[in-house]
Amino acid sequence: MPLIQSAHNPHIKHLAKLLNAAKARREHRQTVLEGVHLLAAYLQSGGKPLHLYIPESRTRHPEIQSCLNRLPECPVSTVSDNVMQKTSSLHQACDIMTLIALPEHSAAPVQGDCIVLDRIQDPGNIGTVIRSAAASGIKQLVLSEGCADAYSPKVLRAGMGAHFLLDICEHINLAQWLPSYRSRKLATALGSTRPASLYRLNLSAENAWLFGNEGSGIAPELLDLCDAAVHIPMQGQTESLNIAMAATVCLFEQMRQRLQAA
């Protein structure tokens, strides 16, 4: 395996661009997985890496060796620890980096369970929603224009490999798409008049769950396109939940009802 010792190496400069710029990820249709856990999840989903970059000090790490044994034909480069630490978005970590191709662009679904995010800005929120979606059996995620990049390093880390279990559609004009979606559309919106309690809804049918921007919520014009507004009952003086927490509560209540009915 060739040893890369300079941050000016073309491979390293390419990794750095992908890690730091959504524009570069869109242009090259590539992203970078940081850490052996994400690589293992990617391989488990049937993914085929484009190139592996291993820190010099970890070339014999058992988990990394296990992944390498599954990829006999994948190009591999060893990188000095100093260069790897300067390149990584983790700053204090020195772990394997995996260059992968982004999935092909998908059309937004016309029916079936899905999650819809309207202008969600926080990468941690998006990654957590992706993880909760996979854990609750949801296969489709729709992100509006204005959402954070679903394949940024922070979102990938927060998703913990769940990205590879979902069909993720990005940069969707929700006002144009929602009228074509044929299943029920449920919006979690605090400002709606007479919202339905989550625990009084029958969630056996297919649903699209809409969750809005952390500060302003779901855009009013999108609320008008939904079939019902939903609120999560809370005790005490708490008025709202973090968007990722609210999504998790709704999705697992849906799963609970369906498991109970099965």
C-alpha atoms as a PDB file:
ATOM      1  CA  MET A   1       0.000   0.000   0.000  1.00  0.00           C
ATOM      2  CA  PRO A   2       1.530   3.373  -0.996  1.00  0.00           C
ATOM      3  CA  LEU A   3       2.177   5.757   1.906  1.00  0.00           C
ATOM      4  CA  ILE A   4       0.812   9.306   1.578  1.00  0.00           C
ATOM      5  CA  GLN A   5       2.822  11.778   3.680  1.00  0.00           C
ATOM      6  CA  SER A   6       1.724  15.163   2.327  1.00  0.00           C
ATOM      7  CA  ALA A   7      -1.526  17.076   2.788  1.00  0.00           C
ATOM      8  CA  HIS A   8      -0.953  18.399  -0.744  1.00  0.00           C
ATOM      9  CA  ASN A   9      -1.342  14.942  -2.241  1.00  0.00           C
ATOM     10  CA  PRO A  10      -4.194  15.049  -4.837  1.00  0.00           C
ATOM     11  CA  HIS A  11      -6.059  12.229  -3.068  1.00  0.00           C
ATOM     12  CA  ILE A  12      -5.930  14.053   0.273  1.00  0.00           C
ATOM     13  CA  LYS A  13      -6.947  17.372  -1.254  1.00  0.00           C
ATOM     14  CA  HIS A  14      -9.944  15.644  -2.859  1.00  0.00           C
ATOM     15  CA  LEU A  15     -10.959  14.075   0.470  1.00  0.00           C
ATOM     16  CA  ALA A  16     -10.680  17.444   2.193  1.00  0.00           C
ATOM     17  CA  LYS A  17     -12.943  19.113  -0.371  1.00  0.00           C
ATOM     18  CA  LEU A  18     -15.579  16.407   0.012  1.00  0.00           C
ATOM     19  CA  LEU A  19     -15.456  16.622   3.794  1.00  0.00           C
ATOM     20  CA  ASN A  20     -15.796  20.396   3.863  1.00  0.00           C
ATOM     21  CA  ALA A  21     -18.055  21.389   0.972  1.00  0.00           C
ATOM     22  CA  ALA A  22     -21.520  20.236  -0.048  1.00  0.00           C
ATOM     23  CA  LYS A  23     -20.864  21.747  -3.472  1.00  0.00           C
ATOM     24  CA  ALA A  24     -17.922  19.389  -4.010  1.00  0.00           C
ATOM     25  CA  ARG A  25     -20.005  16.401  -2.916  1.00  0.00           C
ATOM     26  CA  ARG A  26     -22.742  17.336  -5.381  1.00  0.00           C
ATOM     27  CA  GLU A  27     -20.323  17.960  -8.251  1.00  0.00           C
ATOM     28  CA  HIS A  28     -18.400  14.717  -7.831  1.00  0.00           C
ATOM     29  CA  ARG A  29     -21.362  12.654  -6.578  1.00  0.00           C
ATOM     30  CA  GLN A  30     -19.085  11.353  -3.825  1.00  0.00           C
ATOM     31  CA  THR A  31     -18.701  11.566  -0.053  1.00  0.00           C
ATOM     32  CA  VAL A  32     -16.391  10.281   2.665  1.00  0.00           C
ATOM     33  CA  LEU A  33     -17.174   7.865   5.482  1.00  0.00           C
ATOM     34  CA  GLU A  34     -15.067   8.462   8.572  1.00  0.00           C
ATOM     35  CA  GLY A  35     -14.402   5.503  10.837  1.00  0.00           C
ATOM     36  CA  VAL A  36     -14.552   1.750  10.646  1.00  0.00           C
ATOM     37  CA  HIS A  37     -18.143   1.606  11.965  1.00  0.00           C
ATOM     38  CA  LEU A  38     -19.574   3.487   8.980  1.00  0.00           C
ATOM     39  CA  LEU A  39     -17.475   1.425   6.595  1.00  0.00           C
ATOM     40  CA  ALA A  40     -18.747  -1.816   8.154  1.00  0.00           C
ATOM     41  CA  ALA A  41     -22.362  -0.593   7.880  1.00  0.00           C
ATOM     42  CA  TYR A  42     -21.791   0.391   4.254  1.00  0.00           C
ATOM     43  CA  LEU A  43     -20.369  -3.035   3.417  1.00  0.00           C
ATOM     44  CA  GLN A  44     -23.240  -4.726   5.255  1.00  0.00           C
ATOM     45  CA  SER A  45     -25.675  -2.879   2.973  1.00  0.00           C
ATOM     46  CA  GLY A  46     -23.851  -4.162  -0.112  1.00  0.00           C
ATOM     47  CA  GLY A  47     -21.941  -0.966  -0.815  1.00  0.00           C
ATOM     48  CA  LYS A  48     -18.727  -0.981  -2.816  1.00  0.00           C
ATOM     49  CA  PRO A  49     -16.140   1.641  -1.785  1.00  0.00           C
ATOM     50  CA  LEU A  50     -14.139   3.531  -4.374  1.00  0.00           C
ATOM     51  CA  HIS A  51     -10.968   3.869  -2.282  1.00  0.00           C
ATOM     52  CA  LEU A  52      -9.818   3.251   1.309  1.00  0.00           C
ATOM     53  CA  TYR A  53      -7.402   5.495   3.216  1.00  0.00           C
ATOM     54  CA  ILE A  54      -5.891   3.941   6.345  1.00  0.00           C
ATOM     55  CA  PRO A  55      -3.852   5.756   9.031  1.00  0.00           C
ATOM     56  CA  GLU A  56      -0.340   4.375   9.195  1.00  0.00           C
ATOM     57  CA  SER A  57      -0.732   3.439  12.868  1.00  0.00           C
ATOM     58  CA  ARG A  58      -3.892   1.412  12.270  1.00  0.00           C
ATOM     59  CA  THR A  59      -3.004  -0.760   9.305  1.00  0.00           C
ATOM     60  CA  ARG A  60      -3.097  -3.871  11.497  1.00  0.00           C
ATOM     61  CA  HIS A  61      -6.231  -2.970  13.477  1.00  0.00           C
ATOM     62  CA  PRO A  62      -8.446  -6.107  13.603  1.00  0.00           C
ATOM     63  CA  GLU A  63     -11.656  -4.344  12.514  1.00  0.00           C
ATOM     64  CA  ILE A  64      -9.910  -2.625   9.635  1.00  0.00           C
ATOM     65  CA  GLN A  65      -8.267  -5.879   8.575  1.00  0.00           C
ATOM     66  CA  SER A  66     -11.661  -7.574   8.655  1.00  0.00           C
ATOM     67  CA  CYS A  67     -13.063  -4.943   6.265  1.00  0.00           C
ATOM     68  CA  LEU A  68     -10.016  -5.191   4.001  1.00  0.00           C
ATOM     69  CA  ASN A  69     -10.456  -8.946   3.744  1.00  0.00           C
ATOM     70  CA  ARG A  70     -13.892  -8.316   2.255  1.00  0.00           C
ATOM     71  CA  LEU A  71     -12.495  -5.902  -0.341  1.00  0.00           C
ATOM     72  CA  PRO A  72      -9.613  -7.623  -2.108  1.00  0.00           C
ATOM     73  CA  GLU A  73      -9.943  -5.462  -5.247  1.00  0.00           C
ATOM     74  CA  CYS A  74     -10.567  -2.052  -3.678  1.00  0.00           C
ATOM     75  CA  PRO A  75      -7.707   0.473  -3.983  1.00  0.00           C
ATOM     76  CA  VAL A  76      -6.073   1.120  -0.592  1.00  0.00           C
ATOM     77  CA  SER A  77      -3.655   3.851   0.491  1.00  0.00           C
ATOM     78  CA  THR A  78      -1.839   4.282   3.797  1.00  0.00           C
ATOM     79  CA  VAL A  79      -1.756   7.837   5.131  1.00  0.00           C
ATOM     80  CA  SER A  80       0.578   9.195   7.779  1.00  0.00           C
ATOM     81  CA  ASP A  81      -1.238   9.856  11.044  1.00  0.00           C
ATOM     82  CA  ASN A  82      -0.333  13.538  10.934  1.00  0.00           C
ATOM     83  CA  VAL A  83      -1.869  14.034   7.482  1.00  0.00           C
ATOM     84  CA  MET A  84      -4.944  11.992   8.387  1.00  0.00           C
ATOM     85  CA  GLN A  85      -5.565  14.046  11.522  1.00  0.00           C
ATOM     86  CA  LYS A  86      -5.287  17.289   9.554  1.00  0.00           C
ATOM     87  CA  THR A  87      -7.729  16.021   6.924  1.00  0.00           C
ATOM     88  CA  SER A  88     -10.386  14.482   9.162  1.00  0.00           C
ATOM     89  CA  SER A  89     -13.425  16.499  10.197  1.00  0.00           C
ATOM     90  CA  LEU A  90     -13.149  14.859  13.626  1.00  0.00           C
ATOM     91  CA  HIS A  91      -9.990  16.837  14.506  1.00  0.00           C
ATOM     92  CA  GLN A  92      -8.979  14.546  17.386  1.00  0.00           C
ATOM     93  CA  ALA A  93      -9.494  11.228  15.626  1.00  0.00           C
ATOM     94  CA  CYS A  94      -7.281   9.152  13.388  1.00  0.00           C
ATOM     95  CA  ASP A  95      -9.360   6.492  11.676  1.00  0.00           C
ATOM     96  CA  ILE A  96      -9.982   4.950   8.288  1.00  0.00           C
ATOM     97  CA  MET A  97     -11.618   7.083   5.590  1.00  0.00           C
ATOM     98  CA  THR A  98     -13.682   5.550   2.828  1.00  0.00           C
ATOM     99  CA  LEU A  99     -14.429   7.276  -0.465  1.00  0.00           C
ATOM    100  CA  ILE A 100     -17.843   6.236  -1.796  1.00  0.00           C
ATOM    101  CA  ALA A 101     -20.161   7.245  -4.619  1.00  0.00           C
ATOM    102  CA  LEU A 102     -23.399   8.922  -3.640  1.00  0.00           C
ATOM    103  CA  PRO A 103     -26.585   7.004  -4.484  1.00  0.00           C
ATOM    104  CA  GLU A 104     -28.323   7.808  -7.727  1.00  0.00           C
ATOM    105  CA  HIS A 105     -30.882  10.605  -7.549  1.00  0.00           C
ATOM    106  CA  SER A 106     -34.303   9.252  -6.555  1.00  0.00           C
ATOM    107  CA  ALA A 107     -37.715  10.664  -7.319  1.00  0.00           C
ATOM    108  CA  ALA A 108     -39.843  11.501  -4.295  1.00  0.00           C
ATOM    109  CA  PRO A 109     -42.383   8.765  -3.503  1.00  0.00           C
ATOM    110  CA  VAL A 110     -46.014   8.989  -4.584  1.00  0.00           C
ATOM    111  CA  GLN A 111     -47.256   6.815  -1.719  1.00  0.00           C
ATOM    112  CA  GLY A 112     -46.051   4.726   1.211  1.00  0.00           C
ATOM    113  CA  ASP A 113     -44.639   5.582   4.620  1.00  0.00           C
ATOM    114  CA  CYS A 114     -42.061   8.346   4.539  1.00  0.00           C
ATOM    115  CA  ILE A 115     -40.592  11.214   6.508  1.00  0.00           C
ATOM    116  CA  VAL A 116     -40.539  14.721   5.077  1.00  0.00           C
ATOM    117  CA  LEU A 117     -38.185  17.385   6.448  1.00  0.00           C
ATOM    118  CA  ASP A 118     -38.835  21.039   5.711  1.00  0.00           C
ATOM    119  CA  ARG A 119     -35.700  23.236   5.902  1.00  0.00           C
ATOM    120  CA  ILE A 120     -34.072  21.337   8.780  1.00  0.00           C
ATOM    121  CA  GLN A 121     -30.696  22.991   9.353  1.00  0.00           C
ATOM    122  CA  ASP A 122     -29.020  21.026  12.118  1.00  0.00           C
ATOM    123  CA  PRO A 123     -26.962  18.061  10.812  1.00  0.00           C
ATOM    124  CA  GLY A 124     -27.361  16.199  14.089  1.00  0.00           C
ATOM    125  CA  ASN A 125     -31.140  16.445  13.837  1.00  0.00           C
ATOM    126  CA  ILE A 126     -31.172  15.071  10.298  1.00  0.00           C
ATOM    127  CA  GLY A 127     -28.827  12.225  11.195  1.00  0.00           C
ATOM    128  CA  THR A 128     -30.898  11.281  14.234  1.00  0.00           C
ATOM    129  CA  VAL A 129     -34.123  11.334  12.205  1.00  0.00           C
ATOM    130  CA  ILE A 130     -32.479   9.047   9.635  1.00  0.00           C
ATOM    131  CA  ARG A 131     -31.436   6.658  12.405  1.00  0.00           C
ATOM    132  CA  SER A 132     -34.902   6.661  13.986  1.00  0.00           C
ATOM    133  CA  ALA A 133     -36.529   6.143  10.596  1.00  0.00           C
ATOM    134  CA  ALA A 134     -34.473   3.030   9.913  1.00  0.00           C
ATOM    135  CA  ALA A 135     -35.102   1.703  13.413  1.00  0.00           C
ATOM    136  CA  SER A 136     -38.867   2.140  13.062  1.00  0.00           C
ATOM    137  CA  GLY A 137     -39.128   0.547   9.630  1.00  0.00           C
ATOM    138  CA  ILE A 138     -39.368   3.653   7.452  1.00  0.00           C
ATOM    139  CA  LYS A 139     -37.636   3.304   4.096  1.00  0.00           C
ATOM    140  CA  GLN A 140     -38.135   6.706   2.462  1.00  0.00           C
ATOM    141  CA  LEU A 141     -36.935  10.172   3.464  1.00  0.00           C
ATOM    142  CA  VAL A 142     -37.704  13.402   1.591  1.00  0.00           C
ATOM    143  CA  LEU A 143     -35.666  16.542   2.277  1.00  0.00           C
ATOM    144  CA  SER A 144     -36.788  19.932   1.077  1.00  0.00           C
ATOM    145  CA  GLU A 145     -34.720  22.578  -0.579  1.00  0.00           C
ATOM    146  CA  GLY A 146     -32.888  24.359   2.219  1.00  0.00           C
ATOM    147  CA  CYS A 147     -32.176  21.290   4.360  1.00  0.00           C
ATOM    148  CA  ALA A 148     -28.630  20.526   5.455  1.00  0.00           C
ATOM    149  CA  ASP A 149     -26.771  18.090   3.202  1.00  0.00           C
ATOM    150  CA  ALA A 150     -27.790  14.542   4.110  1.00  0.00           C
ATOM    151  CA  TYR A 151     -24.332  13.202   3.231  1.00  0.00           C
ATOM    152  CA  SER A 152     -22.194  15.675   5.163  1.00  0.00           C
ATOM    153  CA  PRO A 153     -19.758  14.205   7.719  1.00  0.00           C
ATOM    154  CA  LYS A 154     -21.864  15.314  10.706  1.00  0.00           C
ATOM    155  CA  VAL A 155     -25.091  13.853   9.309  1.00  0.00           C
ATOM    156  CA  LEU A 156     -23.363  10.606   8.382  1.00  0.00           C
ATOM    157  CA  ARG A 157     -21.922  10.254  11.884  1.00  0.00           C
ATOM    158  CA  ALA A 158     -25.269  10.996  13.539  1.00  0.00           C
ATOM    159  CA  GLY A 159     -27.000   8.496  11.239  1.00  0.00           C
ATOM    160  CA  MET A 160     -24.655   5.706  12.418  1.00  0.00           C
ATOM    161  CA  GLY A 161     -24.966   3.817   9.139  1.00  0.00           C
ATOM    162  CA  ALA A 162     -28.754   4.159   8.785  1.00  0.00           C
ATOM    163  CA  HIS A 163     -28.274   6.132   5.548  1.00  0.00           C
ATOM    164  CA  PHE A 164     -27.609   2.881   3.751  1.00  0.00           C
ATOM    165  CA  LEU A 165     -31.000   1.468   4.756  1.00  0.00           C
ATOM    166  CA  LEU A 166     -33.124   4.326   3.360  1.00  0.00           C
ATOM    167  CA  ASP A 167     -34.001   5.846   0.011  1.00  0.00           C
ATOM    168  CA  ILE A 168     -33.102   9.517   0.556  1.00  0.00           C
ATOM    169  CA  CYS A 169     -34.479  12.168  -1.794  1.00  0.00           C
ATOM    170  CA  GLU A 170     -32.938  15.645  -1.468  1.00  0.00           C
ATOM    171  CA  HIS A 171     -33.661  19.170  -2.748  1.00  0.00           C
ATOM    172  CA  ILE A 172     -37.372  18.492  -3.293  1.00  0.00           C
ATOM    173  CA  ASN A 173     -39.816  21.354  -3.827  1.00  0.00           C
ATOM    174  CA  LEU A 174     -42.384  20.191  -1.280  1.00  0.00           C
ATOM    175  CA  ALA A 175     -45.147  22.526  -2.455  1.00  0.00           C
ATOM    176  CA  GLN A 176     -44.981  20.921  -5.903  1.00  0.00           C
ATOM    177  CA  TRP A 177     -44.532  17.350  -4.687  1.00  0.00           C
ATOM    178  CA  LEU A 178     -47.042  17.037  -1.831  1.00  0.00           C
ATOM    179  CA  PRO A 179     -50.212  17.266  -3.998  1.00  0.00           C
ATOM    180  CA  SER A 180     -49.010  14.203  -5.931  1.00  0.00           C
ATOM    181  CA  TYR A 181     -48.413  12.116  -2.813  1.00  0.00           C
ATOM    182  CA  ARG A 182     -51.409   9.813  -2.402  1.00  0.00           C
ATOM    183  CA  SER A 183     -51.090   8.524   1.183  1.00  0.00           C
ATOM    184  CA  ARG A 184     -52.110  10.517   4.251  1.00  0.00           C
ATOM    185  CA  LYS A 185     -50.021  13.569   5.110  1.00  0.00           C
ATOM    186  CA  LEU A 186     -49.517  14.370   8.813  1.00  0.00           C
ATOM    187  CA  ALA A 187     -47.873  17.594   9.977  1.00  0.00           C
ATOM    188  CA  THR A 188     -46.446  18.109  13.455  1.00  0.00           C
ATOM    189  CA  ALA A 189     -47.282  21.755  14.037  1.00  0.00           C
ATOM    190  CA  LEU A 190     -47.671  23.586  17.351  1.00  0.00           C
ATOM    191  CA  GLY A 191     -49.462  26.585  15.864  1.00  0.00           C
ATOM    192  CA  SER A 192     -52.262  24.676  14.141  1.00  0.00           C
ATOM    193  CA  THR A 193     -55.829  25.007  15.331  1.00  0.00           C
ATOM    194  CA  ARG A 194     -57.256  21.870  16.932  1.00  0.00           C
ATOM    195  CA  PRO A 195     -54.359  19.495  16.200  1.00  0.00           C
ATOM    196  CA  ALA A 196     -55.030  15.810  16.822  1.00  0.00           C
ATOM    197  CA  SER A 197     -53.322  14.068  19.719  1.00  0.00           C
ATOM    198  CA  LEU A 198     -50.710  11.605  18.500  1.00  0.00           C
ATOM    199  CA  TYR A 199     -52.061   8.950  20.859  1.00  0.00           C
ATOM    200  CA  ARG A 200     -55.608   9.236  19.528  1.00  0.00           C
ATOM    201  CA  LEU A 201     -54.684   8.763  15.875  1.00  0.00           C
ATOM    202  CA  ASN A 202     -55.049   5.489  14.045  1.00  0.00           C
ATOM    203  CA  LEU A 203     -51.654   5.052  12.403  1.00  0.00           C
ATOM    204  CA  SER A 204     -52.233   1.723  10.700  1.00  0.00           C
ATOM    205  CA  ALA A 205     -52.404   3.298   7.227  1.00  0.00           C
ATOM    206  CA  GLU A 206     -49.413   4.636   5.280  1.00  0.00           C
ATOM    207  CA  ASN A 207     -48.354   8.145   6.270  1.00  0.00           C
ATOM    208  CA  ALA A 208     -46.009  10.928   5.314  1.00  0.00           C
ATOM    209  CA  TRP A 209     -44.777  12.653   8.493  1.00  0.00           C
ATOM    210  CA  LEU A 210     -43.819  16.318   8.026  1.00  0.00           C
ATOM    211  CA  PHE A 211     -41.384  17.985  10.419  1.00  0.00           C
ATOM    212  CA  GLY A 212     -40.443  21.624  10.059  1.00  0.00           C
ATOM    213  CA  ASN A 213     -37.562  24.011  10.540  1.00  0.00           C
ATOM    214  CA  GLU A 214     -36.138  24.199  14.079  1.00  0.00           C
ATOM    215  CA  GLY A 215     -37.118  27.836  14.493  1.00  0.00           C
ATOM    216  CA  SER A 216     -40.098  28.529  12.237  1.00  0.00           C
ATOM    217  CA  GLY A 217     -41.692  25.093  11.918  1.00  0.00           C
ATOM    218  CA  ILE A 218     -43.440  23.854   8.785  1.00  0.00           C
ATOM    219  CA  ALA A 219     -44.094  26.502   6.129  1.00  0.00           C
ATOM    220  CA  PRO A 220     -47.768  27.613   6.200  1.00  0.00           C
ATOM    221  CA  GLU A 221     -48.334  26.752   2.552  1.00  0.00           C
ATOM    222  CA  LEU A 222     -47.263  23.168   3.271  1.00  0.00           C
ATOM    223  CA  LEU A 223     -49.602  22.886   6.259  1.00  0.00           C
ATOM    224  CA  ASP A 224     -52.495  23.666   3.936  1.00  0.00           C
ATOM    225  CA  LEU A 225     -51.536  20.623   1.825  1.00  0.00           C
ATOM    226  CA  CYS A 226     -51.626  18.195   4.768  1.00  0.00           C
ATOM    227  CA  ASP A 227     -54.567  16.053   5.864  1.00  0.00           C
ATOM    228  CA  ALA A 228     -54.121  16.615   9.603  1.00  0.00           C
ATOM    229  CA  ALA A 229     -51.986  18.427  12.155  1.00  0.00           C
ATOM    230  CA  VAL A 230     -50.627  16.379  15.051  1.00  0.00           C
ATOM    231  CA  HIS A 231     -49.358  17.282  18.500  1.00  0.00           C
ATOM    232  CA  ILE A 232     -47.498  15.196  21.053  1.00  0.00           C
ATOM    233  CA  PRO A 233     -49.123  15.478  24.513  1.00  0.00           C
ATOM    234  CA  MET A 234     -46.643  16.686  27.128  1.00  0.00           C
ATOM    235  CA  GLN A 235     -46.850  17.274  30.844  1.00  0.00           C
ATOM    236  CA  GLY A 236     -45.583  20.158  32.921  1.00  0.00           C
ATOM    237  CA  GLN A 237     -44.436  23.411  31.363  1.00  0.00           C
ATOM    238  CA  THR A 238     -42.718  21.847  28.346  1.00  0.00           C
ATOM    239  CA  GLU A 239     -44.064  23.358  25.141  1.00  0.00           C
ATOM    240  CA  SER A 240     -42.132  21.510  22.457  1.00  0.00           C
ATOM    241  CA  LEU A 241     -39.564  18.847  21.676  1.00  0.00           C
ATOM    242  CA  ASN A 242     -36.409  18.905  19.625  1.00  0.00           C
ATOM    243  CA  ILE A 243     -37.282  17.968  16.025  1.00  0.00           C
ATOM    244  CA  ALA A 244     -35.348  14.697  16.178  1.00  0.00           C
ATOM    245  CA  MET A 245     -37.018  13.735  19.465  1.00  0.00           C
ATOM    246  CA  ALA A 246     -40.476  14.586  18.117  1.00  0.00           C
ATOM    247  CA  ALA A 247     -39.898  12.509  15.000  1.00  0.00           C
ATOM    248  CA  THR A 248     -38.714   9.563  17.076  1.00  0.00           C
ATOM    249  CA  VAL A 249     -41.783   9.691  19.323  1.00  0.00           C
ATOM    250  CA  CYS A 250     -44.161   9.804  16.335  1.00  0.00           C
ATOM    251  CA  LEU A 251     -42.438   7.042  14.398  1.00  0.00           C
ATOM    252  CA  PHE A 252     -42.259   4.657  17.322  1.00  0.00           C
ATOM    253  CA  GLU A 253     -45.892   5.275  18.249  1.00  0.00           C
ATOM    254  CA  GLN A 254     -46.742   4.335  14.662  1.00  0.00           C
ATOM    255  CA  MET A 255     -44.625   1.197  14.954  1.00  0.00           C
ATOM    256  CA  ARG A 256     -46.117   0.332  18.342  1.00  0.00           C
ATOM    257  CA  GLN A 257     -49.658   0.476  16.989  1.00  0.00           C
ATOM    258  CA  ARG A 258     -48.775  -1.718  14.027  1.00  0.00           C
ATOM    259  CA  LEU A 259     -46.953  -4.291  16.141  1.00  0.00           C
ATOM    260  CA  GLN A 260     -49.887  -4.418  18.527  1.00  0.00           C
ATOM    261  CA  ALA A 261     -52.319  -4.958  15.662  1.00  0.00           C
ATOM    262  CA  ALA A 262     -50.219  -7.680  14.004  1.00  0.00           C
END
